[in-house]
Amino acid sequence: MTADAGAGTWIDEARAILDHIEGSQMDAIDELAVWCTDAIEGGGLVHLFGSGHSRIPLEEMFPRYGSFSGFHPMAELSMTFHTEVVGSNGQRQAMFIEQVEGLAEVILSNFDFGPADVMVVFSASGRSAVPIEIAMGASRRGLRVAAVTSIAESMAADPTHTSGTRLLDHADLVIDIGTPPGDALVHVPGLRTPVGPGSTLANAAVVNELKVRVAGRLVARGLAPAVLTSPSLVGPSESHRLFDRAYSDYAERLARVLRKPAD
C-alpha cells in the first residue's frame, strides 16, 4: 500500500480493511456466531487464544463494557506483556516464547474442555508455534476451531513450525482480517518500511461484530445475557447487579473446565 505524506492516510487504509471484512467475511463471522451461541446455550465456553498483540481482541471480547459471559480469554502473560520492552519480561523473551513448540500442550493441559466448547485462535501471521499448536491441540480434543488471521500475511513467508503448517491449516473456519504482509498499512516517503499496523483494528471489528451477533441470537433463543454496562448508563445499582451476574456466570462456566487435581 502507498500513501501521501498528508494526514488521514492510515484511516483511509484502515477503512479499506473494514470494507474487506464487511464485503467478504460476514458469512464466516455469522457461522462462528452460531457456534458461539450454541456453546453458550449449552453451558460451555468460547475459548479465545492469542499471543503477542493478538491478546488485544481477547480483552476486547470479555470482560469490558458492552460484553457478556461465555467467552474465555486465554492470555499468557509471558507472550503478551510487552510494555517492559527490554530487560526482565522484555520483548525478546516474549517473541522467543511464542515460538516454543510444546508449550501449547502445557497450556491446554490446565483444562478439561466440554463437549459444547469452541476455540478461536487469533494470529495475524498464523505462523507462530504456540497459536498453531493451540489450534492443533483443541482440534484433537474435539473442539471446533476458528482462526482469525491474515491470509496474505500467513502466505507471505514459509511456515516456521516443524510440521510445515500454518494456523489456517488447523481451523474448521477461517476469518481473514485482510491485513497486508508485515501488518503495517502506510508507506511514508523517506522510510523504507511501512508504519501503522492494522490487525488490532481488524480484530476489534471481527470480535465486536461477532459479539453483537451472538447477543442477538441469544436473545432470540430467550437467553438474554447480562451485559457489563456502565453506571453512567443504567445507574450504579443496576451496573453492579449486571457485573455480579456476568461474573458469577463466568465463574461457574470456567469452574467446569478447569482441570481438577488427580485423586
Protein backbone atom coordinates (compact mmCIF):
# COMPACT_ATOMS: atom_id res chain seq x y z
CA MET A 1 0.00 0.00 0.00
CA THR A 2 1.18 3.51 -0.70
CA ALA A 3 0.05 6.84 0.68
CA ASP A 4 0.78 10.55 0.57
CA ALA A 5 2.57 12.22 3.44
CA GLY A 6 -0.59 14.11 4.40
CA ALA A 7 -2.85 13.41 7.37
CA GLY A 8 -5.52 10.76 7.35
CA THR A 9 -3.74 8.15 5.25
CA TRP A 10 -3.82 5.42 7.95
CA ILE A 11 -7.55 5.99 8.37
CA ASP A 12 -8.03 5.56 4.63
CA GLU A 13 -6.16 2.26 4.66
CA ALA A 14 -7.93 1.12 7.81
CA ARG A 15 -11.27 1.87 6.19
CA ALA A 16 -10.27 -0.43 3.32
CA ILE A 17 -9.59 -3.21 5.84
CA LEU A 18 -13.05 -2.74 7.33
CA ASP A 19 -14.54 -2.77 3.83
CA HIS A 20 -12.75 -6.07 3.17
CA ILE A 21 -14.21 -7.61 6.33
CA GLU A 22 -17.70 -6.34 5.61
CA GLY A 23 -17.55 -7.34 1.96
CA SER A 24 -16.11 -10.83 2.28
CA GLN A 25 -16.05 -12.16 5.84
CA MET A 26 -19.54 -11.64 7.23
CA ASP A 27 -20.76 -15.12 6.33
CA ALA A 28 -17.82 -16.64 8.22
CA ILE A 29 -18.42 -14.35 11.20
CA ASP A 30 -22.08 -15.33 11.20
CA GLU A 31 -21.20 -19.02 11.12
CA LEU A 32 -18.89 -18.51 14.08
CA ALA A 33 -21.69 -16.62 15.84
CA VAL A 34 -23.85 -19.74 15.53
CA TRP A 35 -21.06 -21.88 17.03
CA CYS A 36 -20.63 -19.42 19.91
CA THR A 37 -24.35 -19.17 20.60
CA ASP A 38 -24.67 -22.95 20.66
CA ALA A 39 -21.69 -23.20 23.04
CA ILE A 40 -23.03 -20.59 25.45
CA GLU A 41 -26.56 -22.01 25.35
CA GLY A 42 -25.12 -25.45 26.10
CA GLY A 43 -23.37 -24.20 29.24
CA GLY A 44 -19.95 -24.18 27.60
CA LEU A 45 -17.34 -21.58 26.78
CA VAL A 46 -15.90 -19.95 23.71
CA HIS A 47 -12.15 -20.06 24.40
CA LEU A 48 -10.10 -17.27 22.85
CA PHE A 49 -6.32 -17.53 22.44
CA GLY A 50 -3.82 -15.05 21.09
CA SER A 51 -0.14 -14.37 21.66
CA GLY A 52 1.69 -11.09 21.15
CA HIS A 53 -0.60 -8.23 20.24
CA SER A 54 -3.24 -10.77 19.31
CA ARG A 55 -4.04 -10.69 23.02
CA ILE A 56 -5.94 -7.45 22.41
CA PRO A 57 -9.07 -8.97 20.81
CA LEU A 58 -9.37 -11.36 23.76
CA GLU A 59 -9.83 -8.47 26.17
CA GLU A 60 -12.00 -6.63 23.66
CA MET A 61 -14.39 -9.58 23.70
CA PHE A 62 -14.59 -10.04 27.50
CA PRO A 63 -14.57 -8.51 30.07
CA ARG A 64 -15.35 -4.92 29.17
CA TYR A 65 -18.39 -2.67 28.90
CA GLY A 66 -20.76 -3.96 26.28
CA SER A 67 -19.68 -7.59 26.69
CA PHE A 68 -21.11 -10.66 28.39
CA SER A 69 -20.16 -14.02 29.83
CA GLY A 70 -19.49 -17.11 27.76
CA PHE A 71 -16.12 -16.06 26.34
CA HIS A 72 -12.89 -17.24 27.98
CA PRO A 73 -9.80 -15.10 27.18
CA MET A 74 -6.66 -17.26 27.39
CA ALA A 75 -3.75 -14.79 27.54
CA GLU A 76 -0.33 -16.00 28.67
CA LEU A 77 1.50 -13.00 30.13
CA SER A 78 4.89 -14.41 29.13
CA MET A 79 3.91 -13.90 25.49
CA THR A 80 1.75 -10.79 25.77
CA PHE A 81 3.31 -8.45 28.35
CA HIS A 82 5.12 -6.01 26.05
CA THR A 83 5.47 -2.74 27.92
CA GLU A 84 8.77 -3.62 29.61
CA VAL A 85 10.34 -3.86 26.12
CA VAL A 86 13.89 -4.71 27.32
CA GLY A 87 15.36 -6.37 30.40
CA SER A 88 13.24 -8.70 32.54
CA ASN A 89 9.93 -9.58 30.86
CA GLY A 90 11.25 -7.97 27.69
CA GLN A 91 10.09 -8.23 24.13
CA ARG A 92 12.91 -10.55 23.07
CA GLN A 93 11.73 -13.17 25.55
CA ALA A 94 8.09 -12.81 24.54
CA MET A 95 8.91 -13.26 20.85
CA PHE A 96 11.06 -16.28 21.66
CA ILE A 97 8.47 -17.94 23.89
CA GLU A 98 5.68 -17.83 21.31
CA GLN A 99 7.87 -19.94 19.02
CA VAL A 100 8.48 -22.70 21.58
CA GLU A 101 6.93 -25.92 20.36
CA GLY A 102 5.27 -27.99 23.07
CA LEU A 103 4.23 -25.03 25.21
CA ALA A 104 0.68 -25.00 23.87
CA GLU A 105 0.07 -28.52 25.13
CA VAL A 106 1.17 -27.43 28.62
CA ILE A 107 -1.31 -24.55 28.46
CA LEU A 108 -4.15 -26.77 27.26
CA SER A 109 -3.41 -29.37 29.94
CA ASN A 110 -4.88 -27.00 32.53
CA PHE A 111 -8.38 -27.60 31.15
CA ASP A 112 -10.89 -30.37 30.61
CA PHE A 113 -12.83 -28.84 27.76
CA GLY A 114 -16.54 -29.54 27.48
CA PRO A 115 -18.39 -31.03 24.52
CA ALA A 116 -20.06 -27.70 23.71
CA ASP A 117 -16.86 -25.65 23.76
CA VAL A 118 -15.33 -23.75 20.84
CA MET A 119 -11.77 -22.45 20.33
CA VAL A 120 -11.00 -19.21 18.49
CA VAL A 121 -7.31 -18.51 17.81
CA PHE A 122 -6.07 -15.06 16.80
CA SER A 123 -2.77 -14.69 14.95
CA ALA A 124 -2.18 -12.12 12.22
CA SER A 125 0.79 -14.05 10.83
CA GLY A 126 -0.56 -17.53 11.51
CA ARG A 127 3.00 -18.86 11.68
CA SER A 128 3.92 -18.74 15.38
CA ALA A 129 4.26 -22.12 17.06
CA VAL A 130 2.07 -21.62 20.12
CA PRO A 131 -1.10 -20.42 18.32
CA ILE A 132 -0.69 -23.18 15.74
CA GLU A 133 -0.39 -25.83 18.44
CA ILE A 134 -3.29 -24.39 20.44
CA ALA A 135 -5.42 -24.99 17.35
CA MET A 136 -3.94 -28.44 16.84
CA GLY A 137 -4.50 -29.42 20.47
CA ALA A 138 -8.03 -28.04 20.58
CA SER A 139 -8.90 -29.97 17.44
CA ARG A 140 -7.53 -33.20 18.90
CA ARG A 141 -9.77 -32.64 21.90
CA GLY A 142 -12.83 -32.43 19.68
CA LEU A 143 -13.38 -28.66 19.74
CA ARG A 144 -14.41 -26.77 16.65
CA VAL A 145 -11.58 -24.34 15.85
CA ALA A 146 -11.85 -20.93 14.20
CA ALA A 147 -8.78 -18.99 13.08
CA VAL A 148 -8.81 -15.20 12.84
CA THR A 149 -5.76 -14.44 10.73
CA SER A 150 -4.41 -12.61 7.70
CA ILE A 151 -4.23 -14.97 4.76
CA ALA A 152 -1.91 -12.60 2.88
CA GLU A 153 0.46 -12.36 5.85
CA SER A 154 0.28 -16.08 6.54
CA MET A 155 1.18 -17.00 2.96
CA ALA A 156 3.86 -14.32 2.53
CA ALA A 157 6.61 -16.50 4.04
CA ASP A 158 7.41 -20.15 4.50
CA PRO A 159 5.98 -21.90 7.59
CA THR A 160 8.28 -21.87 10.59
CA HIS A 161 6.60 -24.68 12.53
CA THR A 162 8.30 -28.07 12.17
CA SER A 163 5.03 -29.54 10.87
CA GLY A 164 5.29 -27.25 7.85
CA THR A 165 1.80 -25.92 8.56
CA ARG A 166 0.17 -22.61 9.38
CA LEU A 167 -2.67 -21.77 11.76
CA LEU A 168 -5.23 -21.76 8.96
CA ASP A 169 -4.35 -25.40 8.18
CA HIS A 170 -5.81 -26.46 11.54
CA ALA A 171 -9.03 -24.44 11.52
CA ASP A 172 -12.54 -25.57 10.70
CA LEU A 173 -13.36 -21.95 9.90
CA VAL A 174 -11.06 -19.10 8.81
CA ILE A 175 -11.83 -15.40 9.15
CA ASP A 176 -9.42 -13.31 7.07
CA ILE A 177 -8.71 -9.92 8.61
CA GLY A 178 -7.21 -8.71 5.34
CA THR A 179 -4.09 -7.01 6.64
CA PRO A 180 -1.01 -6.98 4.37
CA PRO A 181 2.27 -8.81 4.92
CA GLY A 182 4.04 -7.07 7.79
CA ASP A 183 0.72 -5.69 9.13
CA ALA A 184 1.67 -2.00 8.78
CA LEU A 185 -0.55 -0.09 6.36
CA VAL A 186 1.18 3.14 5.33
CA HIS A 187 4.35 3.80 3.34
CA VAL A 188 5.79 7.15 4.38
CA PRO A 189 8.11 8.85 1.89
CA GLY A 190 11.68 8.58 3.14
CA LEU A 191 11.05 5.40 5.16
CA ARG A 192 11.99 2.02 3.70
CA THR A 193 9.42 0.12 5.77
CA PRO A 194 5.72 0.88 6.40
CA VAL A 195 4.19 2.12 9.65
CA GLY A 196 0.78 1.93 11.32
CA PRO A 197 -0.36 -1.70 11.88
CA GLY A 198 -3.91 -2.68 11.01
CA SER A 199 -4.51 -6.00 12.75
CA THR A 200 -5.71 -4.50 16.04
CA LEU A 201 -8.46 -2.55 14.30
CA ALA A 202 -9.37 -5.57 12.17
CA ASN A 203 -9.51 -7.92 15.13
CA ALA A 204 -11.61 -5.47 17.13
CA ALA A 205 -14.05 -5.22 14.23
CA VAL A 206 -14.34 -9.00 13.99
CA VAL A 207 -14.89 -9.62 17.70
CA ASN A 208 -17.40 -6.82 18.16
CA GLU A 209 -19.40 -7.87 15.11
CA LEU A 210 -19.28 -11.41 16.48
CA LYS A 211 -20.31 -10.25 19.96
CA VAL A 212 -23.32 -8.34 18.64
CA ARG A 213 -24.47 -11.27 16.51
CA VAL A 214 -24.14 -13.72 19.39
CA ALA A 215 -26.12 -11.37 21.66
CA GLY A 216 -28.88 -11.16 19.08
CA ARG A 217 -29.04 -14.93 18.69
CA LEU A 218 -29.10 -15.48 22.46
CA VAL A 219 -31.97 -13.02 22.84
CA ALA A 220 -33.84 -14.76 20.02
CA ARG A 221 -33.47 -18.02 21.96
CA GLY A 222 -34.81 -16.46 25.16
CA LEU A 223 -31.37 -16.29 26.78
CA ALA A 224 -30.71 -12.55 27.09
CA PRO A 225 -27.20 -12.20 28.61
CA ALA A 226 -26.17 -9.92 31.45
CA VAL A 227 -24.16 -7.25 29.64
CA LEU A 228 -21.42 -5.40 31.53
CA THR A 229 -22.78 -1.85 31.50
CA SER A 230 -21.50 1.47 32.79
CA PRO A 231 -23.27 3.08 35.77
CA SER A 232 -23.48 6.24 33.66
CA LEU A 233 -25.99 4.39 31.50
CA VAL A 234 -28.01 2.28 33.97
CA GLY A 235 -27.08 3.67 37.38
CA PRO A 236 -24.68 2.26 39.98
CA SER A 237 -27.04 -0.33 41.45
CA GLU A 238 -28.05 -1.91 38.13
CA SER A 239 -24.48 -1.77 36.83
CA HIS A 240 -23.28 -3.62 39.92
CA ARG A 241 -26.03 -6.22 39.54
CA LEU A 242 -25.15 -6.85 35.90
CA PHE A 243 -21.44 -7.19 36.70
CA ASP A 244 -22.14 -9.64 39.54
CA ARG A 245 -24.47 -11.72 37.39
CA ALA A 246 -22.00 -11.86 34.49
CA TYR A 247 -19.03 -12.66 36.73
CA SER A 248 -20.93 -15.38 38.56
CA ASP A 249 -21.99 -16.99 35.30
CA TYR A 250 -18.41 -16.82 34.00
CA ALA A 251 -17.02 -18.35 37.20
CA GLU A 252 -19.46 -21.25 37.00
CA ARG A 253 -18.59 -21.94 33.38
CA LEU A 254 -14.85 -21.71 33.98
CA ALA A 255 -15.03 -23.95 37.05
CA ARG A 256 -16.45 -26.69 34.85
CA VAL A 257 -13.41 -26.75 32.56
CA LEU A 258 -10.53 -26.14 34.99
CA ARG A 259 -8.73 -29.45 35.41
CA LYS A 260 -9.12 -30.92 38.89
CA PRO A 261 -6.17 -32.49 40.74
CA ALA A 262 -5.83 -36.22 40.17
CA ASP A 263 -7.06 -38.45 43.03
